[in-house]
Protein backbone atom coordinates (compact mmCIF):
# COMPACT_ATOMS: atom_id res chain seq x y z
CA MET A 1 -0.16 -0.10 0.24
CA THR A 2 1.79 3.55 -0.63
CA GLN A 3 1.39 5.90 1.32
CA THR A 4 0.98 9.78 0.15
CA THR A 5 2.18 13.05 1.40
CA PRO A 6 -1.03 15.52 2.17
CA PRO A 7 -1.06 18.54 0.28
CA ALA A 8 0.41 21.67 2.01
CA ILE A 9 -1.88 24.43 1.13
CA PRO A 10 -0.67 27.80 1.71
CA VAL A 11 -2.57 30.32 3.64
CA ARG A 12 -1.64 33.88 4.45
CA GLY A 13 -1.96 34.86 7.92
CA LYS A 14 -4.85 33.38 10.51
CA ILE A 15 -7.81 30.83 9.05
CA LYS A 16 -10.66 29.03 10.39
CA LEU A 17 -11.69 25.75 9.80
CA GLY A 18 -14.68 26.16 7.55
CA GLN A 19 -12.50 28.55 5.49
CA PHE A 20 -9.59 26.45 4.87
CA LEU A 21 -12.01 23.36 4.17
CA LYS A 22 -13.00 25.23 0.85
CA LEU A 23 -9.78 26.61 0.53
CA ALA A 24 -8.24 23.25 -0.01
CA GLY A 25 -10.81 21.65 -2.24
CA LEU A 26 -11.80 19.49 0.56
CA VAL A 27 -15.56 20.60 0.42
CA GLU A 28 -17.28 22.56 -2.54
CA ASP A 29 -18.65 25.44 -0.30
CA GLY A 30 -19.41 26.74 2.90
CA GLY A 31 -22.84 24.70 3.51
CA GLU A 32 -20.92 21.89 2.90
CA ALA A 33 -17.98 22.65 5.50
CA ARG A 34 -20.83 23.42 7.95
CA ILE A 35 -22.20 19.97 7.28
CA ALA A 36 -19.12 18.18 7.64
CA ILE A 37 -18.15 19.92 10.30
CA GLN A 38 -21.60 19.76 12.46
CA SER A 39 -21.86 15.84 11.59
CA GLY A 40 -18.06 14.83 13.04
CA ASP A 41 -16.72 14.33 9.94
CA VAL A 42 -13.90 16.93 10.31
CA ARG A 43 -10.45 16.03 12.03
CA VAL A 44 -7.84 18.50 12.41
CA ASN A 45 -4.62 16.46 13.78
CA GLY A 46 -6.85 12.92 14.62
CA ARG A 47 -9.17 14.75 16.93
CA VAL A 48 -12.68 15.39 16.24
CA GLU A 49 -13.34 19.15 15.43
CA THR A 50 -16.84 20.20 15.49
CA ARG A 51 -16.45 24.22 15.77
CA ARG A 52 -16.17 25.49 12.27
CA GLY A 53 -14.65 28.92 13.83
CA HIS A 54 -11.75 26.89 14.85
CA HIS A 55 -8.55 28.82 14.44
CA LEU A 56 -5.80 26.70 12.46
CA GLU A 57 -2.30 26.83 12.85
CA ASP A 58 1.16 26.18 10.80
CA ALA A 59 1.05 22.47 10.13
CA ASP A 60 -2.14 21.26 11.42
CA ALA A 61 -3.43 18.44 9.34
CA VAL A 62 -7.26 18.63 8.10
CA SER A 63 -8.95 15.38 7.35
CA VAL A 64 -12.63 14.81 6.09
CA GLU A 65 -14.17 11.70 6.13
CA LEU A 66 -16.46 11.24 2.62
CA PRO A 67 -18.06 8.28 1.55
CA GLY A 68 -15.50 6.06 0.50
CA ALA A 69 -12.79 7.93 1.52
CA VAL A 70 -10.73 10.43 3.66
CA VAL A 71 -8.68 13.25 2.29
CA THR A 72 -6.32 15.38 4.16
CA ALA A 73 -4.70 18.53 3.90
CA VAL A 74 -1.65 19.97 6.09
CA VAL A 75 -2.07 23.83 6.80
CA GLU A 76 1.04 25.72 5.28
CA ILE A 77 1.33 29.31 7.17
CA VAL A 78 3.10 31.91 4.55
CA ALA A 79 4.44 35.13 5.56
CA ASP A 80 3.13 38.20 4.08
CA ASP A 81 5.52 40.07 1.80
CA ALA A 82 5.52 43.32 3.26
């Protein structure tokens, strides 16, 4: 079985869980993000997270349990170019 490294999604500044799910393409829209989070289908670093407004940190692994698969992406905080 081949294990793949989840993609790192670059983020500038702070981001909430619901926003990250959409940005990373783990869900299609905010409604789907809300349902997935409230249903307990979303994990942050292996723990179920039910707060859509949960602030993510650099290197957090976010997983969504979908029918037949689990998809994961990793938060990569990038510095703002000033």
